[in-house]
Amino acid sequence: MSDGAPVLTLEKVSKSFGAVQALRDVDFDVAPGEVVALVGDNGAGKSTLIKAIAGIHGIDSGRILFEGDPVRIASPTDAVGLGIATVYQDLALCDNLDVVGNLFLGQEERSGALATVTRQLDETSMERQAHELLDNLAVTITDVRAEVGTMSGGQRQQVAIARSLLGEPKVVLLDEPTAALGVRQTAQVLALVKRLREKGHGVVVISHNLANVFEVADRIVVLRLGRLVGVYDAAKTSHEEIVAAITGAGDPSTGELGPEVEQAMENARRDDAGQERS
């Protein structure tokens, strides 16, 4: 975990949609070389927070700082320009294109003079860059000319994350990166998240799977009903404390957990067991 100053900071950020207060006075930050997990129940405000950082939703109040300077993120273009990349749960990959095609879709390298309308794609340069990027991340994809539609869920997630790194972002936002993946595929994605940290990226991960959260996160930020409940050092907290914070039931300081927490923990254990059998 990095001990440096935060690369991204949100101060007292609020956002509402009509009468619905999605975020209220939320403080949040991530440092270079740090993985911060954002957890909470459905409707807690996780997606709204990520979309505010990504420029999908403008904030109503509060401020956002990037590398210590106040910034205005009014669009996804603003976020990308600052150095913020987002990988959403649907991945937005083209199954009929190969890895190179997906990595460079919309920003293809071209050869020839600028005035030439019929310039050819610089396939050689794009393939070389694709190999360099994937080798640098040590992913499990060996054939950059394989169609993405033929790949496993874990490999598809790797392609989506690799694509987000083409602009050399300083912060990477991952929305449920291990959702619906099997054990082996999940391990591949979690290993990639760790490599992003090793390479100095600030990483924000939304996940409902606490086992995965504890495997990769340095800090765990809990939201409940649009409010910040707490920020926990992953090495010094427990599954029980995080579940209690998420549900708002029981007293995690005394270890007395209410029936809602016990049921939530049992559901989590069943989910983990089902994943192990898949």
C-alpha atoms as a PDB file:
ATOM      1  CA  MET A   1       0.000   0.000   0.000  1.00  0.00           C
ATOM      2  CA  SER A   2       1.218   3.471  -0.852  1.00  0.00           C
ATOM      3  CA  ASP A   3       1.804   5.998   1.913  1.00  0.00           C
ATOM      4  CA  GLY A   4       1.804   8.890  -0.567  1.00  0.00           C
ATOM      5  CA  ALA A   5      -0.692  11.727  -0.915  1.00  0.00           C
ATOM      6  CA  PRO A   6      -4.020  10.794  -2.508  1.00  0.00           C
ATOM      7  CA  VAL A   7      -4.181  11.009  -6.273  1.00  0.00           C
ATOM      8  CA  LEU A   8      -7.971  11.388  -6.084  1.00  0.00           C
ATOM      9  CA  THR A   9      -9.978  12.994  -3.283  1.00  0.00           C
ATOM     10  CA  LEU A  10     -13.701  13.641  -2.854  1.00  0.00           C
ATOM     11  CA  GLU A  11     -14.730  16.079  -0.125  1.00  0.00           C
ATOM     12  CA  LYS A  12     -18.299  16.310   1.172  1.00  0.00           C
ATOM     13  CA  VAL A  13     -19.734  15.158  -2.159  1.00  0.00           C
ATOM     14  CA  SER A  14     -23.515  15.051  -2.470  1.00  0.00           C
ATOM     15  CA  LYS A  15     -25.757  13.988  -5.335  1.00  0.00           C
ATOM     16  CA  SER A  16     -29.520  13.688  -5.599  1.00  0.00           C
ATOM     17  CA  PHE A  17     -31.929  12.546  -8.276  1.00  0.00           C
ATOM     18  CA  GLY A  18     -35.145  14.444  -7.624  1.00  0.00           C
ATOM     19  CA  ALA A  19     -36.253  13.570  -4.117  1.00  0.00           C
ATOM     20  CA  VAL A  20     -33.768  10.698  -3.841  1.00  0.00           C
ATOM     21  CA  GLN A  21     -30.555  11.598  -2.046  1.00  0.00           C
ATOM     22  CA  ALA A  22     -28.037   9.165  -3.587  1.00  0.00           C
ATOM     23  CA  LEU A  23     -24.940  10.611  -1.879  1.00  0.00           C
ATOM     24  CA  ARG A  24     -24.723  12.859   1.155  1.00  0.00           C
ATOM     25  CA  ASP A  25     -21.477  14.541   2.268  1.00  0.00           C
ATOM     26  CA  VAL A  26     -19.269  11.625   1.209  1.00  0.00           C
ATOM     27  CA  ASP A  27     -15.501  11.843   1.732  1.00  0.00           C
ATOM     28  CA  PHE A  28     -13.381   9.441  -0.294  1.00  0.00           C
ATOM     29  CA  ASP A  29      -9.795   9.151  -1.520  1.00  0.00           C
ATOM     30  CA  VAL A  30      -7.358   6.754  -3.153  1.00  0.00           C
ATOM     31  CA  ALA A  31      -3.564   6.973  -3.269  1.00  0.00           C
ATOM     32  CA  PRO A  32      -1.160   5.793  -5.969  1.00  0.00           C
ATOM     33  CA  GLY A  33      -0.361   2.108  -5.537  1.00  0.00           C
ATOM     34  CA  GLU A  34      -3.434   1.489  -3.376  1.00  0.00           C
ATOM     35  CA  VAL A  35      -6.534  -0.657  -3.836  1.00  0.00           C
ATOM     36  CA  VAL A  36      -9.647   0.779  -2.209  1.00  0.00           C
ATOM     37  CA  ALA A  37     -12.751  -1.419  -2.124  1.00  0.00           C
ATOM     38  CA  LEU A  38     -16.129   0.315  -2.190  1.00  0.00           C
ATOM     39  CA  VAL A  39     -18.801  -1.845  -0.586  1.00  0.00           C
ATOM     40  CA  GLY A  40     -22.395  -1.523   0.503  1.00  0.00           C
ATOM     41  CA  ASP A  41     -25.833  -2.986  -0.058  1.00  0.00           C
ATOM     42  CA  ASN A  42     -27.904  -2.290  -3.171  1.00  0.00           C
ATOM     43  CA  GLY A  43     -28.858   1.385  -3.168  1.00  0.00           C
ATOM     44  CA  ALA A  44     -25.957   2.366  -0.926  1.00  0.00           C
ATOM     45  CA  GLY A  45     -24.607   4.840  -3.489  1.00  0.00           C
ATOM     46  CA  LYS A  46     -21.616   2.896  -4.815  1.00  0.00           C
ATOM     47  CA  SER A  47     -22.494   3.178  -8.494  1.00  0.00           C
ATOM     48  CA  THR A  48     -23.429   6.838  -8.139  1.00  0.00           C
ATOM     49  CA  LEU A  49     -20.064   7.570  -6.530  1.00  0.00           C
ATOM     50  CA  ILE A  50     -18.180   5.765  -9.292  1.00  0.00           C
ATOM     51  CA  LYS A  51     -20.199   7.526 -11.986  1.00  0.00           C
ATOM     52  CA  ALA A  52     -19.524  10.888 -10.359  1.00  0.00           C
ATOM     53  CA  ILE A  53     -15.786  10.184 -10.525  1.00  0.00           C
ATOM     54  CA  ALA A  54     -16.116   8.898 -14.097  1.00  0.00           C
ATOM     55  CA  GLY A  55     -17.998  12.002 -15.253  1.00  0.00           C
ATOM     56  CA  ILE A  56     -21.351  10.313 -15.883  1.00  0.00           C
ATOM     57  CA  HIS A  57     -23.098  12.223 -13.081  1.00  0.00           C
ATOM     58  CA  GLY A  58     -22.207  15.752 -12.071  1.00  0.00           C
ATOM     59  CA  ILE A  59     -22.113  16.352  -8.320  1.00  0.00           C
ATOM     60  CA  ASP A  60     -24.505  18.771  -6.595  1.00  0.00           C
ATOM     61  CA  SER A  61     -22.095  19.937  -3.925  1.00  0.00           C
ATOM     62  CA  GLY A  62     -18.679  19.232  -2.462  1.00  0.00           C
ATOM     63  CA  ARG A  63     -15.505  19.115  -4.490  1.00  0.00           C
ATOM     64  CA  ILE A  64     -13.195  16.716  -6.276  1.00  0.00           C
ATOM     65  CA  LEU A  65      -9.420  17.034  -6.206  1.00  0.00           C
ATOM     66  CA  PHE A  66      -6.990  15.295  -8.532  1.00  0.00           C
ATOM     67  CA  GLU A  67      -3.349  15.233  -7.450  1.00  0.00           C
ATOM     68  CA  GLY A  68      -4.212  17.904  -4.903  1.00  0.00           C
ATOM     69  CA  ASP A  69      -5.864  20.345  -7.309  1.00  0.00           C
ATOM     70  CA  PRO A  70      -9.625  21.034  -7.436  1.00  0.00           C
ATOM     71  CA  VAL A  71     -11.110  19.789 -10.712  1.00  0.00           C
ATOM     72  CA  ARG A  72     -14.466  19.754 -12.426  1.00  0.00           C
ATOM     73  CA  ILE A  73     -15.465  16.428 -13.955  1.00  0.00           C
ATOM     74  CA  ALA A  74     -18.464  17.205 -16.127  1.00  0.00           C
ATOM     75  CA  SER A  75     -18.112  14.383 -18.659  1.00  0.00           C
ATOM     76  CA  PRO A  76     -16.310  11.076 -19.225  1.00  0.00           C
ATOM     77  CA  THR A  77     -13.917  13.002 -21.477  1.00  0.00           C
ATOM     78  CA  ASP A  78     -12.934  15.172 -18.513  1.00  0.00           C
ATOM     79  CA  ALA A  79     -12.256  12.078 -16.401  1.00  0.00           C
ATOM     80  CA  VAL A  80     -10.167  10.389 -19.085  1.00  0.00           C
ATOM     81  CA  GLY A  81      -8.254  13.609 -19.666  1.00  0.00           C
ATOM     82  CA  LEU A  82      -7.286  13.748 -16.002  1.00  0.00           C
ATOM     83  CA  GLY A  83      -6.157  10.134 -15.994  1.00  0.00           C
ATOM     84  CA  ILE A  84      -9.202   8.249 -14.697  1.00  0.00           C
ATOM     85  CA  ALA A  85     -10.194   5.026 -16.470  1.00  0.00           C
ATOM     86  CA  THR A  86     -13.391   3.087 -15.798  1.00  0.00           C
ATOM     87  CA  VAL A  87     -14.211  -0.549 -16.542  1.00  0.00           C
ATOM     88  CA  TYR A  88     -17.937  -1.139 -16.162  1.00  0.00           C
ATOM     89  CA  GLN A  89     -19.532  -4.480 -15.416  1.00  0.00           C
ATOM     90  CA  ASP A  90     -20.820  -4.969 -18.973  1.00  0.00           C
ATOM     91  CA  LEU A  91     -17.209  -4.523 -20.317  1.00  0.00           C
ATOM     92  CA  ALA A  92     -18.473  -3.144 -23.686  1.00  0.00           C
ATOM     93  CA  LEU A  93     -16.332  -5.512 -25.758  1.00  0.00           C
ATOM     94  CA  CYS A  94     -16.962  -6.493 -29.387  1.00  0.00           C
ATOM     95  CA  ASP A  95     -17.098 -10.295 -29.532  1.00  0.00           C
ATOM     96  CA  ASN A  96     -16.426 -10.415 -33.273  1.00  0.00           C
ATOM     97  CA  LEU A  97     -13.148  -8.482 -32.979  1.00  0.00           C
ATOM     98  CA  ASP A  98      -9.817  -9.852 -31.829  1.00  0.00           C
ATOM     99  CA  VAL A  99      -7.886  -8.568 -28.823  1.00  0.00           C
ATOM    100  CA  VAL A 100      -6.018  -5.940 -30.862  1.00  0.00           C
ATOM    101  CA  GLY A 101      -9.263  -4.690 -32.388  1.00  0.00           C
ATOM    102  CA  ASN A 102     -10.886  -4.325 -28.973  1.00  0.00           C
ATOM    103  CA  LEU A 103      -7.889  -2.645 -27.392  1.00  0.00           C
ATOM    104  CA  PHE A 104      -7.655   0.033 -30.079  1.00  0.00           C
ATOM    105  CA  LEU A 105     -11.307   0.403 -31.052  1.00  0.00           C
ATOM    106  CA  GLY A 106     -11.898   4.117 -31.639  1.00  0.00           C
ATOM    107  CA  GLN A 107      -8.221   5.052 -31.341  1.00  0.00           C
ATOM    108  CA  GLU A 108      -6.634   2.992 -34.084  1.00  0.00           C
ATOM    109  CA  GLU A 109      -3.047   3.646 -35.149  1.00  0.00           C
ATOM    110  CA  ARG A 110      -2.814   4.642 -38.805  1.00  0.00           C
ATOM    111  CA  SER A 111       0.007   4.806 -41.275  1.00  0.00           C
ATOM    112  CA  GLY A 112       0.539   7.237 -44.163  1.00  0.00           C
ATOM    113  CA  ALA A 113       0.234  11.001 -44.571  1.00  0.00           C
ATOM    114  CA  LEU A 114      -2.406  12.908 -42.636  1.00  0.00           C
ATOM    115  CA  ALA A 115      -3.943  14.155 -45.869  1.00  0.00           C
ATOM    116  CA  THR A 116      -4.497  10.656 -47.182  1.00  0.00           C
ATOM    117  CA  VAL A 117      -8.141   9.729 -46.787  1.00  0.00           C
ATOM    118  CA  THR A 118      -7.558   6.033 -47.435  1.00  0.00           C
ATOM    119  CA  ARG A 119      -4.815   5.539 -44.868  1.00  0.00           C
ATOM    120  CA  GLN A 120      -4.295   1.960 -43.771  1.00  0.00           C
ATOM    121  CA  LEU A 121      -4.427   0.819 -40.170  1.00  0.00           C
ATOM    122  CA  ASP A 122      -0.988   0.297 -38.722  1.00  0.00           C
ATOM    123  CA  GLU A 123      -1.677  -3.292 -37.705  1.00  0.00           C
ATOM    124  CA  THR A 124       1.982  -3.992 -36.966  1.00  0.00           C
ATOM    125  CA  SER A 125       2.267  -1.136 -34.487  1.00  0.00           C
ATOM    126  CA  MET A 126      -1.039  -1.971 -32.776  1.00  0.00           C
ATOM    127  CA  GLU A 127      -0.156  -5.650 -32.451  1.00  0.00           C
ATOM    128  CA  ARG A 128       3.248  -4.771 -30.999  1.00  0.00           C
ATOM    129  CA  GLN A 129       1.691  -2.417 -28.454  1.00  0.00           C
ATOM    130  CA  ALA A 130      -0.927  -5.024 -27.570  1.00  0.00           C
ATOM    131  CA  HIS A 131       1.779  -7.608 -26.865  1.00  0.00           C
ATOM    132  CA  GLU A 132       3.761  -5.132 -24.783  1.00  0.00           C
ATOM    133  CA  LEU A 133       0.728  -4.127 -22.730  1.00  0.00           C
ATOM    134  CA  LEU A 134      -0.436  -7.681 -22.064  1.00  0.00           C
ATOM    135  CA  ASP A 135       3.098  -8.900 -21.321  1.00  0.00           C
ATOM    136  CA  ASN A 136       3.553  -6.007 -18.900  1.00  0.00           C
ATOM    137  CA  LEU A 137       0.397  -7.041 -17.071  1.00  0.00           C
ATOM    138  CA  ALA A 138       1.328 -10.736 -17.191  1.00  0.00           C
ATOM    139  CA  VAL A 139      -2.182 -11.713 -18.244  1.00  0.00           C
ATOM    140  CA  THR A 140      -3.157 -15.192 -19.426  1.00  0.00           C
ATOM    141  CA  ILE A 141      -3.897 -14.153 -23.027  1.00  0.00           C
ATOM    142  CA  THR A 142      -1.259 -15.431 -25.467  1.00  0.00           C
ATOM    143  CA  ASP A 143      -2.924 -14.843 -28.851  1.00  0.00           C
ATOM    144  CA  VAL A 144      -3.784 -11.188 -29.490  1.00  0.00           C
ATOM    145  CA  ARG A 145      -5.464 -12.212 -32.763  1.00  0.00           C
ATOM    146  CA  ALA A 146      -8.011 -14.452 -31.053  1.00  0.00           C
ATOM    147  CA  GLU A 147     -11.613 -13.244 -31.143  1.00  0.00           C
ATOM    148  CA  VAL A 148     -12.783 -11.975 -27.775  1.00  0.00           C
ATOM    149  CA  GLY A 149     -16.059 -13.890 -28.169  1.00  0.00           C
ATOM    150  CA  THR A 150     -14.153 -17.168 -27.822  1.00  0.00           C
ATOM    151  CA  MET A 151     -12.526 -16.205 -24.516  1.00  0.00           C
ATOM    152  CA  SER A 152     -13.403 -16.995 -20.921  1.00  0.00           C
ATOM    153  CA  GLY A 153     -14.991 -14.428 -18.631  1.00  0.00           C
ATOM    154  CA  GLY A 154     -11.684 -13.872 -16.856  1.00  0.00           C
ATOM    155  CA  GLN A 155      -9.824 -13.261 -20.102  1.00  0.00           C
ATOM    156  CA  ARG A 156     -12.533 -10.866 -21.301  1.00  0.00           C
ATOM    157  CA  GLN A 157     -12.171  -8.916 -18.073  1.00  0.00           C
ATOM    158  CA  GLN A 158      -8.417  -8.811 -18.644  1.00  0.00           C
ATOM    159  CA  VAL A 159      -8.944  -7.361 -22.126  1.00  0.00           C
ATOM    160  CA  ALA A 160     -11.275  -4.684 -20.756  1.00  0.00           C
ATOM    161  CA  ILE A 161      -8.813  -3.704 -18.017  1.00  0.00           C
ATOM    162  CA  ALA A 162      -5.887  -3.704 -20.439  1.00  0.00           C
ATOM    163  CA  ARG A 163      -7.848  -1.443 -22.807  1.00  0.00           C
ATOM    164  CA  SER A 164      -8.417   1.049 -19.989  1.00  0.00           C
ATOM    165  CA  LEU A 165      -4.649   1.318 -19.486  1.00  0.00           C
ATOM    166  CA  LEU A 166      -3.811   2.471 -23.015  1.00  0.00           C
ATOM    167  CA  GLY A 167      -4.067   6.100 -21.929  1.00  0.00           C
ATOM    168  CA  GLU A 168      -1.760   5.456 -18.951  1.00  0.00           C
ATOM    169  CA  PRO A 169      -4.345   6.440 -16.314  1.00  0.00           C
ATOM    170  CA  LYS A 170      -3.411   7.132 -12.717  1.00  0.00           C
ATOM    171  CA  VAL A 171      -6.718   5.850 -11.310  1.00  0.00           C
ATOM    172  CA  VAL A 172      -8.611   2.758 -12.486  1.00  0.00           C
ATOM    173  CA  LEU A 173     -12.240   2.193 -11.453  1.00  0.00           C
ATOM    174  CA  LEU A 174     -13.489  -1.415 -11.615  1.00  0.00           C
ATOM    175  CA  ASP A 175     -17.198  -2.150 -11.271  1.00  0.00           C
ATOM    176  CA  GLU A 176     -17.793  -5.717 -10.023  1.00  0.00           C
ATOM    177  CA  PRO A 177     -14.799  -7.144 -11.942  1.00  0.00           C
ATOM    178  CA  THR A 178     -15.343 -10.713 -10.675  1.00  0.00           C
ATOM    179  CA  ALA A 179     -19.129 -10.913 -11.007  1.00  0.00           C
ATOM    180  CA  ALA A 180     -20.319 -14.241 -12.457  1.00  0.00           C
ATOM    181  CA  LEU A 181     -16.773 -15.613 -12.786  1.00  0.00           C
ATOM    182  CA  GLY A 182     -15.631 -19.053 -11.661  1.00  0.00           C
ATOM    183  CA  VAL A 183     -12.860 -19.659  -9.157  1.00  0.00           C
ATOM    184  CA  ARG A 184      -9.971 -19.836 -11.646  1.00  0.00           C
ATOM    185  CA  GLN A 185     -11.178 -16.844 -13.647  1.00  0.00           C
ATOM    186  CA  THR A 186     -11.691 -14.824 -10.480  1.00  0.00           C
ATOM    187  CA  ALA A 187      -8.122 -15.594  -9.413  1.00  0.00           C
ATOM    188  CA  GLN A 188      -6.847 -14.294 -12.760  1.00  0.00           C
ATOM    189  CA  VAL A 189      -8.681 -10.990 -12.365  1.00  0.00           C
ATOM    190  CA  LEU A 190      -7.648 -10.523  -8.729  1.00  0.00           C
ATOM    191  CA  ALA A 191      -4.029 -11.153  -9.704  1.00  0.00           C
ATOM    192  CA  LEU A 192      -4.367  -8.425 -12.341  1.00  0.00           C
ATOM    193  CA  VAL A 193      -5.772  -6.000  -9.748  1.00  0.00           C
ATOM    194  CA  LYS A 194      -2.714  -6.656  -7.588  1.00  0.00           C
ATOM    195  CA  ARG A 195      -0.419  -5.960 -10.540  1.00  0.00           C
ATOM    196  CA  LEU A 196      -2.165  -2.647 -11.142  1.00  0.00           C
ATOM    197  CA  ARG A 197      -1.328  -1.727  -7.550  1.00  0.00           C
ATOM    198  CA  GLU A 198       2.279  -2.851  -7.968  1.00  0.00           C
ATOM    199  CA  LYS A 199       2.606  -0.582 -11.003  1.00  0.00           C
ATOM    200  CA  GLY A 200       1.483   2.441  -9.028  1.00  0.00           C
ATOM    201  CA  HIS A 201      -2.116   2.827 -10.153  1.00  0.00           C
ATOM    202  CA  GLY A 202      -4.746   3.910  -7.691  1.00  0.00           C
ATOM    203  CA  VAL A 203      -7.475   1.264  -7.965  1.00  0.00           C
ATOM    204  CA  VAL A 204     -11.099   1.502  -6.834  1.00  0.00           C
ATOM    205  CA  VAL A 205     -13.053  -1.765  -6.816  1.00  0.00           C
ATOM    206  CA  ILE A 206     -16.786  -2.175  -6.317  1.00  0.00           C
ATOM    207  CA  SER A 207     -17.582  -5.693  -5.155  1.00  0.00           C
ATOM    208  CA  HIS A 208     -20.240  -7.625  -3.254  1.00  0.00           C
ATOM    209  CA  ASN A 209     -17.830 -10.507  -2.659  1.00  0.00           C
ATOM    210  CA  LEU A 210     -16.088  -9.833   0.646  1.00  0.00           C
ATOM    211  CA  ALA A 211     -13.654 -12.718   0.182  1.00  0.00           C
ATOM    212  CA  ASN A 212     -12.359 -11.019  -2.964  1.00  0.00           C
ATOM    213  CA  VAL A 213     -12.352  -7.636  -1.252  1.00  0.00           C
ATOM    214  CA  PHE A 214     -10.171  -8.876   1.593  1.00  0.00           C
ATOM    215  CA  GLU A 215      -7.786 -10.544  -0.858  1.00  0.00           C
ATOM    216  CA  VAL A 216      -6.901  -7.386  -2.788  1.00  0.00           C
ATOM    217  CA  ALA A 217      -7.966  -4.295  -0.843  1.00  0.00           C
ATOM    218  CA  ASP A 218      -5.757  -2.099   1.301  1.00  0.00           C
ATOM    219  CA  ARG A 219      -8.731  -0.129   2.607  1.00  0.00           C
ATOM    220  CA  ILE A 220     -12.467  -0.821   2.605  1.00  0.00           C
ATOM    221  CA  VAL A 221     -14.928   2.059   2.280  1.00  0.00           C
ATOM    222  CA  VAL A 222     -18.480   1.266   3.384  1.00  0.00           C
ATOM    223  CA  LEU A 223     -21.489   3.229   2.159  1.00  0.00           C
ATOM    224  CA  ARG A 224     -25.021   2.853   3.482  1.00  0.00           C
ATOM    225  CA  LEU A 225     -28.030   4.766   2.134  1.00  0.00           C
ATOM    226  CA  GLY A 226     -25.779   7.320   0.451  1.00  0.00           C
ATOM    227  CA  ARG A 227     -23.683   8.067   3.509  1.00  0.00           C
ATOM    228  CA  LEU A 228     -20.130   7.135   4.413  1.00  0.00           C
ATOM    229  CA  VAL A 229     -20.291   4.632   7.265  1.00  0.00           C
ATOM    230  CA  GLY A 230     -16.579   4.093   7.733  1.00  0.00           C
ATOM    231  CA  VAL A 231     -13.173   3.472   6.229  1.00  0.00           C
ATOM    232  CA  TYR A 232     -11.432   0.303   7.400  1.00  0.00           C
ATOM    233  CA  ASP A 233      -7.881  -0.987   7.137  1.00  0.00           C
ATOM    234  CA  ALA A 234      -8.398  -4.359   5.473  1.00  0.00           C
ATOM    235  CA  ALA A 235      -5.565  -5.923   7.465  1.00  0.00           C
ATOM    236  CA  LYS A 236      -7.058  -4.837  10.786  1.00  0.00           C
ATOM    237  CA  THR A 237     -10.770  -5.488  10.331  1.00  0.00           C
ATOM    238  CA  SER A 238     -12.918  -8.596   9.875  1.00  0.00           C
ATOM    239  CA  HIS A 239     -15.702  -9.901   7.656  1.00  0.00           C
ATOM    240  CA  GLU A 240     -18.068  -9.573  10.617  1.00  0.00           C
ATOM    241  CA  GLU A 241     -17.238  -5.908  11.180  1.00  0.00           C
ATOM    242  CA  ILE A 242     -17.687  -5.049   7.512  1.00  0.00           C
ATOM    243  CA  VAL A 243     -20.991  -6.927   7.267  1.00  0.00           C
ATOM    244  CA  ALA A 244     -22.216  -5.135  10.391  1.00  0.00           C
ATOM    245  CA  ALA A 245     -21.240  -1.785   8.859  1.00  0.00           C
ATOM    246  CA  ILE A 246     -22.969  -2.627   5.575  1.00  0.00           C
ATOM    247  CA  THR A 247     -26.231  -3.713   7.196  1.00  0.00           C
ATOM    248  CA  GLY A 248     -26.240  -1.276  10.102  1.00  0.00           C
ATOM    249  CA  ALA A 249     -27.200  -4.091  12.460  1.00  0.00           C
ATOM    250  CA  GLY A 250     -25.507  -5.172  15.663  1.00  0.00           C
ATOM    251  CA  ASP A 251     -22.590  -3.540  17.421  1.00  0.00           C
ATOM    252  CA  PRO A 252     -19.316  -4.444  15.688  1.00  0.00           C
ATOM    253  CA  SER A 253     -17.305  -2.799  18.470  1.00  0.00           C
ATOM    254  CA  THR A 254     -18.533  -5.382  20.987  1.00  0.00           C
ATOM    255  CA  GLY A 255     -18.852  -8.279  18.582  1.00  0.00           C
ATOM    256  CA  GLU A 256     -22.607  -8.495  19.223  1.00  0.00           C
ATOM    257  CA  LEU A 257     -24.187  -9.074  15.847  1.00  0.00           C
ATOM    258  CA  GLY A 258     -27.907  -8.849  15.245  1.00  0.00           C
ATOM    259  CA  PRO A 259     -29.954 -11.458  13.353  1.00  0.00           C
ATOM    260  CA  GLU A 260     -29.768  -9.397  10.149  1.00  0.00           C
ATOM    261  CA  VAL A 261     -25.979  -9.574  10.224  1.00  0.00           C
ATOM    262  CA  GLU A 262     -25.979 -13.278  10.998  1.00  0.00           C
ATOM    263  CA  GLN A 263     -28.269 -13.906   8.018  1.00  0.00           C
ATOM    264  CA  ALA A 264     -26.130 -11.705   5.750  1.00  0.00           C
ATOM    265  CA  MET A 265     -23.010 -13.594   6.828  1.00  0.00           C
ATOM    266  CA  GLU A 266     -24.707 -16.919   6.174  1.00  0.00           C
ATOM    267  CA  ASN A 267     -25.734 -15.727   2.706  1.00  0.00           C
ATOM    268  CA  ALA A 268     -22.155 -14.627   2.010  1.00  0.00           C
ATOM    269  CA  ARG A 269     -20.826 -18.014   3.100  1.00  0.00           C
ATOM    270  CA  ARG A 270     -23.293 -19.770   0.792  1.00  0.00           C
ATOM    271  CA  ASP A 271     -22.278 -17.516  -2.105  1.00  0.00           C
ATOM    272  CA  ASP A 272     -18.604 -18.291  -1.516  1.00  0.00           C
ATOM    273  CA  ALA A 273     -19.313 -22.011  -1.282  1.00  0.00           C
ATOM    274  CA  GLY A 274     -21.259 -21.905  -4.525  1.00  0.00           C
ATOM    275  CA  GLN A 275     -18.410 -20.075  -6.243  1.00  0.00           C
ATOM    276  CA  GLU A 276     -15.901 -22.699  -5.058  1.00  0.00           C
ATOM    277  CA  ARG A 277     -18.026 -25.465  -6.613  1.00  0.00           C
ATOM    278  CA  SER A 278     -18.307 -23.640  -9.960  1.00  0.00           C
END
